[in-house]
Amino acid sequence: MTNGSDMRSWGITVLRVVVGVVFLMHGGQKFFMGFHNVAGFLASLRIPAPQAAAIALTLLEFFGGMALVLGLFTRVVALLLAFDMAVAVVLVHLKNGFFSPAGFEFPLTLLAATLCLAFSGSGVASVDRMIGRKAVRGETRTTESVFTSSPR
């Protein structure tokens, strides 16, 4: 039988994978639209350096989504994606009210989900967890262990 902590960790894993797929698909959509179309939209919002912002946004959503699916660098990636969604809420969706199709309910939900992942970590089934376990077992040497170990 599993305890409550295990169940929470699996719940976080499900959240992470689903949110990762959503960002991966939206990033992929931006790739197929082309950077110039994304840059044109960002320019209409008066975002500085819209071409660079379009590339950064597309790469963040695509590769950030992929990282979330894998559970790799979850806290950092989730925090970056939370910032992405906060900007989307304020600059794009807030003026349209709460409800879809153009309201802020969906990006607000993604903002909350990514903040949850940034605070909680990756959950049980993740690359982050595998890396952490190897470090605990001593299979990888951390920077601290390199500098504190005595020579043989």
N, C-alpha and C. Protein backbone atom coordinates (compact mmCIF):
# COMPACT_ATOMS: atom_id res chain seq x y z
N MET A 1 0.84 -1.19 0.00
CA MET A 1 0.00 0.00 0.00
C MET A 1 0.89 1.25 0.00
N THR A 2 0.47 2.24 -0.70
CA THR A 2 1.26 3.46 -0.77
C THR A 2 0.77 4.46 0.26
N ASN A 3 1.68 5.30 0.67
CA ASN A 3 1.27 6.35 1.62
C ASN A 3 0.88 7.62 0.87
N GLY A 4 0.39 8.60 1.61
CA GLY A 4 -0.06 9.85 1.00
C GLY A 4 1.02 10.58 0.25
N SER A 5 2.25 10.51 0.74
CA SER A 5 3.36 11.18 0.08
C SER A 5 3.61 10.59 -1.31
N ASP A 6 3.53 9.27 -1.42
CA ASP A 6 3.70 8.62 -2.72
C ASP A 6 2.61 9.06 -3.69
N MET A 7 1.39 9.12 -3.20
CA MET A 7 0.27 9.51 -4.05
C MET A 7 0.42 10.96 -4.51
N ARG A 8 0.87 11.84 -3.63
CA ARG A 8 1.09 13.24 -4.01
C ARG A 8 2.18 13.32 -5.08
N SER A 9 3.23 12.53 -4.91
CA SER A 9 4.32 12.55 -5.87
C SER A 9 3.87 12.07 -7.25
N TRP A 10 3.01 11.05 -7.27
CA TRP A 10 2.46 10.60 -8.56
C TRP A 10 1.52 11.64 -9.14
N GLY A 11 0.77 12.33 -8.30
CA GLY A 11 -0.10 13.41 -8.78
C GLY A 11 0.70 14.52 -9.42
N ILE A 12 1.81 14.88 -8.80
CA ILE A 12 2.70 15.90 -9.36
C ILE A 12 3.26 15.43 -10.69
N THR A 13 3.60 14.15 -10.78
CA THR A 13 4.13 13.59 -12.02
C THR A 13 3.10 13.72 -13.15
N VAL A 14 1.85 13.38 -12.87
CA VAL A 14 0.80 13.50 -13.88
C VAL A 14 0.65 14.97 -14.31
N LEU A 15 0.61 15.88 -13.35
CA LEU A 15 0.51 17.31 -13.66
C LEU A 15 1.68 17.74 -14.54
N ARG A 16 2.90 17.35 -14.17
CA ARG A 16 4.09 17.74 -14.91
C ARG A 16 4.05 17.26 -16.35
N VAL A 17 3.68 16.01 -16.56
CA VAL A 17 3.67 15.45 -17.91
C VAL A 17 2.60 16.13 -18.77
N VAL A 18 1.41 16.31 -18.23
CA VAL A 18 0.33 16.93 -19.00
C VAL A 18 0.67 18.39 -19.34
N VAL A 19 1.15 19.14 -18.37
CA VAL A 19 1.54 20.53 -18.62
C VAL A 19 2.69 20.57 -19.63
N GLY A 20 3.63 19.64 -19.51
CA GLY A 20 4.73 19.56 -20.46
C GLY A 20 4.25 19.33 -21.89
N VAL A 21 3.29 18.42 -22.05
CA VAL A 21 2.74 18.16 -23.38
C VAL A 21 2.06 19.41 -23.94
N VAL A 22 1.32 20.12 -23.11
CA VAL A 22 0.65 21.35 -23.56
C VAL A 22 1.68 22.36 -24.07
N PHE A 23 2.75 22.58 -23.30
CA PHE A 23 3.77 23.55 -23.75
C PHE A 23 4.52 23.03 -24.97
N LEU A 24 4.82 21.76 -25.01
CA LEU A 24 5.49 21.16 -26.16
C LEU A 24 4.67 21.38 -27.43
N MET A 25 3.37 21.15 -27.35
CA MET A 25 2.50 21.33 -28.52
C MET A 25 2.40 22.81 -28.93
N HIS A 26 2.29 23.70 -27.96
CA HIS A 26 2.21 25.13 -28.29
C HIS A 26 3.53 25.63 -28.85
N GLY A 27 4.65 25.15 -28.31
CA GLY A 27 5.95 25.51 -28.88
C GLY A 27 6.11 24.97 -30.29
N GLY A 28 5.64 23.73 -30.50
CA GLY A 28 5.68 23.14 -31.84
C GLY A 28 4.83 23.92 -32.83
N GLN A 29 3.68 24.37 -32.37
CA GLN A 29 2.80 25.19 -33.21
C GLN A 29 3.52 26.48 -33.63
N LYS A 30 4.25 27.07 -32.70
CA LYS A 30 5.00 28.30 -33.02
C LYS A 30 6.12 28.00 -34.02
N PHE A 31 6.78 26.84 -33.90
CA PHE A 31 7.79 26.45 -34.88
C PHE A 31 7.17 26.38 -36.27
N PHE A 32 6.01 25.73 -36.38
CA PHE A 32 5.39 25.56 -37.69
C PHE A 32 4.80 26.85 -38.23
N MET A 33 4.39 27.76 -37.35
CA MET A 33 3.91 29.08 -37.79
C MET A 33 5.06 29.88 -38.39
N GLY A 34 6.24 29.62 -37.91
CA GLY A 34 7.41 30.38 -38.31
C GLY A 34 7.68 31.51 -37.34
N PHE A 35 8.95 31.75 -37.10
CA PHE A 35 9.33 32.79 -36.14
C PHE A 35 8.82 34.16 -36.56
N HIS A 36 8.77 34.40 -37.88
CA HIS A 36 8.34 35.72 -38.35
C HIS A 36 6.89 36.01 -37.97
N ASN A 37 6.03 35.00 -38.00
CA ASN A 37 4.63 35.21 -37.58
C ASN A 37 4.52 35.48 -36.09
N VAL A 38 5.27 34.73 -35.30
CA VAL A 38 5.28 34.95 -33.85
C VAL A 38 5.86 36.33 -33.56
N ALA A 39 6.94 36.69 -34.26
CA ALA A 39 7.56 38.00 -34.06
C ALA A 39 6.59 39.13 -34.43
N GLY A 40 5.81 38.94 -35.48
CA GLY A 40 4.82 39.95 -35.86
C GLY A 40 3.77 40.15 -34.77
N PHE A 41 3.33 39.04 -34.18
CA PHE A 41 2.36 39.15 -33.09
C PHE A 41 2.98 39.86 -31.89
N LEU A 42 4.22 39.50 -31.55
CA LEU A 42 4.90 40.14 -30.41
C LEU A 42 5.15 41.62 -30.68
N ALA A 43 5.45 41.97 -31.93
CA ALA A 43 5.64 43.38 -32.28
C ALA A 43 4.34 44.16 -32.08
N SER A 44 3.21 43.53 -32.39
CA SER A 44 1.92 44.20 -32.20
C SER A 44 1.63 44.47 -30.72
N LEU A 45 2.29 43.71 -29.84
CA LEU A 45 2.16 43.92 -28.39
C LEU A 45 3.21 44.89 -27.85
N ARG A 46 4.04 45.39 -28.78
CA ARG A 46 5.13 46.31 -28.43
C ARG A 46 6.19 45.66 -27.55
N ILE A 47 6.42 44.37 -27.78
CA ILE A 47 7.49 43.65 -27.10
C ILE A 47 8.80 44.08 -27.75
N PRO A 48 9.80 44.50 -26.96
CA PRO A 48 11.08 44.89 -27.54
C PRO A 48 11.77 43.69 -28.21
N ALA A 49 12.50 43.94 -29.26
CA ALA A 49 13.22 42.91 -30.01
C ALA A 49 12.32 41.72 -30.30
N PRO A 50 11.25 41.93 -31.06
CA PRO A 50 10.26 40.87 -31.24
C PRO A 50 10.81 39.60 -31.91
N GLN A 51 11.78 39.74 -32.81
CA GLN A 51 12.34 38.55 -33.47
C GLN A 51 13.07 37.68 -32.44
N ALA A 52 13.92 38.31 -31.63
CA ALA A 52 14.64 37.56 -30.59
C ALA A 52 13.67 36.98 -29.56
N ALA A 53 12.66 37.76 -29.21
CA ALA A 53 11.66 37.28 -28.24
C ALA A 53 10.88 36.10 -28.81
N ALA A 54 10.57 36.14 -30.11
CA ALA A 54 9.84 35.04 -30.74
C ALA A 54 10.65 33.76 -30.71
N ILE A 55 11.93 33.87 -31.00
CA ILE A 55 12.80 32.69 -30.97
C ILE A 55 12.89 32.16 -29.54
N ALA A 56 13.13 33.06 -28.59
CA ALA A 56 13.25 32.63 -27.19
C ALA A 56 11.95 31.99 -26.69
N LEU A 57 10.82 32.60 -27.01
CA LEU A 57 9.53 32.09 -26.58
C LEU A 57 9.25 30.71 -27.17
N THR A 58 9.51 30.57 -28.45
CA THR A 58 9.27 29.28 -29.12
C THR A 58 10.16 28.20 -28.55
N LEU A 59 11.44 28.51 -28.39
CA LEU A 59 12.37 27.52 -27.84
C LEU A 59 12.02 27.16 -26.40
N LEU A 60 11.64 28.17 -25.61
CA LEU A 60 11.26 27.91 -24.22
C LEU A 60 10.05 26.98 -24.16
N GLU A 61 9.02 27.29 -24.92
CA GLU A 61 7.81 26.47 -24.85
C GLU A 61 8.05 25.07 -25.40
N PHE A 62 8.79 24.94 -26.49
CA PHE A 62 9.02 23.62 -27.09
C PHE A 62 9.95 22.78 -26.21
N PHE A 63 11.16 23.29 -25.98
CA PHE A 63 12.12 22.50 -25.21
C PHE A 63 11.79 22.47 -23.72
N GLY A 64 11.17 23.55 -23.22
CA GLY A 64 10.70 23.54 -21.83
C GLY A 64 9.61 22.50 -21.64
N GLY A 65 8.71 22.40 -22.61
CA GLY A 65 7.68 21.36 -22.55
C GLY A 65 8.29 19.97 -22.57
N MET A 66 9.28 19.79 -23.43
CA MET A 66 9.96 18.50 -23.50
C MET A 66 10.66 18.18 -22.17
N ALA A 67 11.30 19.18 -21.58
CA ALA A 67 11.98 18.99 -20.30
C ALA A 67 10.98 18.62 -19.21
N LEU A 68 9.81 19.26 -19.21
CA LEU A 68 8.79 18.91 -18.21
C LEU A 68 8.30 17.48 -18.41
N VAL A 69 8.07 17.07 -19.63
CA VAL A 69 7.63 15.70 -19.89
C VAL A 69 8.64 14.71 -19.31
N LEU A 70 9.92 14.99 -19.51
CA LEU A 70 10.97 14.11 -19.01
C LEU A 70 11.23 14.30 -17.52
N GLY A 71 10.83 15.43 -16.99
CA GLY A 71 11.14 15.73 -15.59
C GLY A 71 12.60 16.13 -15.43
N LEU A 72 13.07 16.96 -16.34
CA LEU A 72 14.47 17.39 -16.36
C LEU A 72 14.53 18.89 -16.05
N PHE A 73 15.29 19.25 -15.02
CA PHE A 73 15.40 20.65 -14.58
C PHE A 73 14.02 21.25 -14.31
N THR A 74 13.18 20.48 -13.69
CA THR A 74 11.76 20.81 -13.56
C THR A 74 11.52 22.16 -12.90
N ARG A 75 12.17 22.41 -11.78
CA ARG A 75 11.88 23.65 -11.04
C ARG A 75 12.25 24.89 -11.84
N VAL A 76 13.41 24.87 -12.47
CA VAL A 76 13.87 26.03 -13.24
C VAL A 76 13.00 26.23 -14.48
N VAL A 77 12.76 25.15 -15.21
CA VAL A 77 11.94 25.24 -16.42
C VAL A 77 10.53 25.71 -16.08
N ALA A 78 9.97 25.16 -15.01
CA ALA A 78 8.61 25.55 -14.61
C ALA A 78 8.55 27.03 -14.24
N LEU A 79 9.58 27.52 -13.59
CA LEU A 79 9.61 28.94 -13.23
C LEU A 79 9.68 29.83 -14.48
N LEU A 80 10.48 29.44 -15.46
CA LEU A 80 10.55 30.19 -16.72
C LEU A 80 9.21 30.17 -17.45
N LEU A 81 8.57 29.01 -17.47
CA LEU A 81 7.27 28.91 -18.13
C LEU A 81 6.19 29.68 -17.36
N ALA A 82 6.31 29.74 -16.04
CA ALA A 82 5.38 30.55 -15.25
C ALA A 82 5.50 32.02 -15.63
N PHE A 83 6.73 32.49 -15.80
CA PHE A 83 6.95 33.87 -16.24
C PHE A 83 6.32 34.09 -17.62
N ASP A 84 6.52 33.14 -18.52
CA ASP A 84 5.92 33.18 -19.85
C ASP A 84 4.40 33.35 -19.75
N MET A 85 3.77 32.59 -18.88
CA MET A 85 2.32 32.66 -18.73
C MET A 85 1.87 33.94 -18.04
N ALA A 86 2.65 34.43 -17.10
CA ALA A 86 2.30 35.70 -16.44
C ALA A 86 2.29 36.84 -17.47
N VAL A 87 3.29 36.85 -18.34
CA VAL A 87 3.34 37.86 -19.41
C VAL A 87 2.15 37.69 -20.34
N ALA A 88 1.82 36.45 -20.70
CA ALA A 88 0.68 36.19 -21.59
C ALA A 88 -0.62 36.67 -20.96
N VAL A 89 -0.80 36.41 -19.68
CA VAL A 89 -2.02 36.86 -18.99
C VAL A 89 -2.13 38.38 -19.07
N VAL A 90 -1.06 39.06 -18.69
CA VAL A 90 -1.10 40.53 -18.58
C VAL A 90 -1.18 41.21 -19.95
N LEU A 91 -0.34 40.79 -20.89
CA LEU A 91 -0.25 41.51 -22.16
C LEU A 91 -1.24 41.06 -23.22
N VAL A 92 -1.72 39.83 -23.14
CA VAL A 92 -2.57 39.31 -24.22
C VAL A 92 -4.01 39.07 -23.77
N HIS A 93 -4.20 38.37 -22.68
CA HIS A 93 -5.51 37.82 -22.35
C HIS A 93 -6.35 38.62 -21.36
N LEU A 94 -5.74 39.40 -20.50
CA LEU A 94 -6.47 40.09 -19.44
C LEU A 94 -7.58 40.99 -19.98
N LYS A 95 -7.28 41.68 -21.06
CA LYS A 95 -8.25 42.62 -21.65
C LYS A 95 -9.49 41.91 -22.21
N ASN A 96 -9.38 40.58 -22.42
CA ASN A 96 -10.49 39.82 -23.00
C ASN A 96 -11.41 39.20 -21.95
N GLY A 97 -11.13 39.46 -20.68
CA GLY A 97 -11.95 38.87 -19.63
C GLY A 97 -11.47 37.47 -19.27
N PHE A 98 -12.23 36.82 -18.42
CA PHE A 98 -11.81 35.53 -17.86
C PHE A 98 -12.02 34.36 -18.82
N PHE A 99 -13.16 34.31 -19.48
CA PHE A 99 -13.54 33.10 -20.21
C PHE A 99 -12.89 32.99 -21.58
N SER A 100 -12.73 31.74 -22.02
CA SER A 100 -12.18 31.43 -23.34
C SER A 100 -13.17 31.87 -24.41
N PRO A 101 -12.79 32.01 -25.65
CA PRO A 101 -11.57 31.51 -26.23
C PRO A 101 -10.35 32.41 -26.04
N ALA A 102 -10.52 33.69 -25.83
CA ALA A 102 -9.36 34.58 -25.72
C ALA A 102 -9.15 35.11 -24.31
N GLY A 103 -9.93 34.63 -23.35
CA GLY A 103 -9.80 35.10 -21.98
C GLY A 103 -8.55 34.55 -21.30
N PHE A 104 -8.38 34.92 -20.05
CA PHE A 104 -7.14 34.55 -19.36
C PHE A 104 -7.25 33.28 -18.52
N GLU A 105 -8.38 32.56 -18.59
CA GLU A 105 -8.53 31.37 -17.75
C GLU A 105 -7.48 30.29 -18.06
N PHE A 106 -7.21 30.02 -19.33
CA PHE A 106 -6.26 28.96 -19.67
C PHE A 106 -4.82 29.33 -19.31
N PRO A 107 -4.32 30.51 -19.71
CA PRO A 107 -2.95 30.84 -19.29
C PRO A 107 -2.82 31.00 -17.78
N LEU A 108 -3.88 31.42 -17.11
CA LEU A 108 -3.84 31.51 -15.65
C LEU A 108 -3.72 30.11 -15.03
N THR A 109 -4.43 29.15 -15.60
CA THR A 109 -4.33 27.77 -15.13
C THR A 109 -2.92 27.23 -15.34
N LEU A 110 -2.34 27.50 -16.51
CA LEU A 110 -0.96 27.07 -16.76
C LEU A 110 0.03 27.79 -15.84
N LEU A 111 -0.23 29.05 -15.55
CA LEU A 111 0.61 29.79 -14.60
C LEU A 111 0.57 29.10 -13.24
N ALA A 112 -0.61 28.78 -12.75
CA ALA A 112 -0.74 28.11 -11.45
C ALA A 112 -0.07 26.74 -11.47
N ALA A 113 -0.26 25.99 -12.54
CA ALA A 113 0.33 24.65 -12.64
C ALA A 113 1.85 24.71 -12.65
N THR A 114 2.41 25.66 -13.41
CA THR A 114 3.87 25.75 -13.46
C THR A 114 4.44 26.25 -12.14
N LEU A 115 3.72 27.12 -11.45
CA LEU A 115 4.18 27.53 -10.11
C LEU A 115 4.15 26.35 -9.15
N CYS A 116 3.11 25.53 -9.23
CA CYS A 116 3.07 24.32 -8.39
C CYS A 116 4.28 23.44 -8.65
N LEU A 117 4.63 23.26 -9.91
CA LEU A 117 5.79 22.43 -10.25
C LEU A 117 7.09 23.08 -9.79
N ALA A 118 7.18 24.40 -9.90
CA ALA A 118 8.39 25.09 -9.44
C ALA A 118 8.56 24.92 -7.93
N PHE A 119 7.46 24.94 -7.19
CA PHE A 119 7.53 24.79 -5.73
C PHE A 119 7.71 23.34 -5.31
N SER A 120 7.09 22.41 -6.03
CA SER A 120 7.07 21.01 -5.57
C SER A 120 8.13 20.13 -6.18
N GLY A 121 8.64 20.48 -7.35
CA GLY A 121 9.60 19.62 -8.02
C GLY A 121 8.91 18.71 -9.02
N SER A 122 9.62 17.67 -9.43
CA SER A 122 9.21 16.88 -10.59
C SER A 122 8.28 15.72 -10.32
N GLY A 123 8.16 15.29 -9.09
CA GLY A 123 7.36 14.10 -8.81
C GLY A 123 8.23 12.86 -8.88
N VAL A 124 7.58 11.71 -8.83
CA VAL A 124 8.30 10.46 -8.62
C VAL A 124 9.00 9.92 -9.87
N ALA A 125 8.40 10.01 -11.02
CA ALA A 125 8.97 9.43 -12.24
C ALA A 125 9.59 10.54 -13.07
N SER A 126 10.87 10.80 -12.87
CA SER A 126 11.51 11.91 -13.57
C SER A 126 13.01 11.71 -13.66
N VAL A 127 13.60 12.36 -14.63
CA VAL A 127 15.05 12.36 -14.76
C VAL A 127 15.67 13.06 -13.55
N ASP A 128 15.05 14.14 -13.09
CA ASP A 128 15.55 14.83 -11.88
C ASP A 128 15.68 13.85 -10.72
N ARG A 129 14.68 13.02 -10.52
CA ARG A 129 14.69 12.06 -9.41
C ARG A 129 15.79 11.01 -9.61
N MET A 130 15.97 10.54 -10.86
CA MET A 130 17.02 9.55 -11.13
C MET A 130 18.40 10.13 -10.87
N ILE A 131 18.61 11.37 -11.29
CA ILE A 131 19.90 12.02 -11.06
C ILE A 131 20.13 12.19 -9.57
N GLY A 132 19.11 12.61 -8.85
CA GLY A 132 19.21 12.79 -7.40
C GLY A 132 19.53 11.49 -6.69
N ARG A 133 18.93 10.39 -7.09
CA ARG A 133 19.19 9.09 -6.46
C ARG A 133 20.62 8.63 -6.70
N LYS A 134 21.12 8.84 -7.92
CA LYS A 134 22.50 8.46 -8.21
C LYS A 134 23.46 9.26 -7.35
N ALA A 135 23.17 10.54 -7.17
CA ALA A 135 24.04 11.38 -6.34
C ALA A 135 24.02 10.90 -4.89
N VAL A 136 22.85 10.52 -4.40
CA VAL A 136 22.75 10.03 -3.02
C VAL A 136 23.52 8.73 -2.85
N ARG A 137 23.46 7.85 -3.85
CA ARG A 137 24.17 6.57 -3.77
C ARG A 137 25.66 6.74 -4.03
N GLY A 138 26.09 7.92 -4.42
CA GLY A 138 27.51 8.16 -4.67
C GLY A 138 27.95 7.76 -6.06
N GLU A 139 27.02 7.55 -6.97
CA GLU A 139 27.37 7.15 -8.33
C GLU A 139 27.87 8.31 -9.17
N THR A 140 27.54 9.51 -8.75
CA THR A 140 28.08 10.70 -9.41
C THR A 140 28.74 11.54 -8.35
N ARG A 141 29.74 12.25 -8.74
CA ARG A 141 30.44 13.11 -7.78
C ARG A 141 29.95 14.52 -7.95
N THR A 142 29.48 15.10 -6.89
CA THR A 142 29.05 16.49 -6.94
C THR A 142 30.26 17.39 -6.82
N THR A 143 30.08 18.65 -7.12
CA THR A 143 31.17 19.61 -6.97
C THR A 143 31.67 19.63 -5.54
N GLU A 144 30.75 19.56 -4.59
CA GLU A 144 31.14 19.58 -3.19
C GLU A 144 32.02 18.38 -2.85
N SER A 145 31.66 17.18 -3.35
CA SER A 145 32.44 16.00 -3.01
C SER A 145 33.82 16.05 -3.66
N VAL A 146 33.93 16.67 -4.81
CA VAL A 146 35.23 16.79 -5.46
C VAL A 146 36.16 17.66 -4.63
N PHE A 147 35.64 18.75 -4.08
CA PHE A 147 36.48 19.67 -3.34
C PHE A 147 36.72 19.26 -1.90
N THR A 148 35.87 18.40 -1.35
CA THR A 148 36.03 18.02 0.06
C THR A 148 36.65 16.65 0.24
N SER A 149 36.77 15.87 -0.83
CA SER A 149 37.35 14.54 -0.66
C SER A 149 38.86 14.64 -0.53
N SER A 150 39.40 13.77 0.27
CA SER A 150 40.85 13.79 0.48
C SER A 150 41.52 12.95 -0.60
N PRO A 151 42.73 13.32 -1.00
CA PRO A 151 43.43 12.56 -2.03
C PRO A 151 43.81 11.19 -1.50
N ARG A 152 43.85 10.20 -2.38
CA ARG A 152 44.20 8.82 -1.97
C ARG A 152 45.62 8.52 -2.32
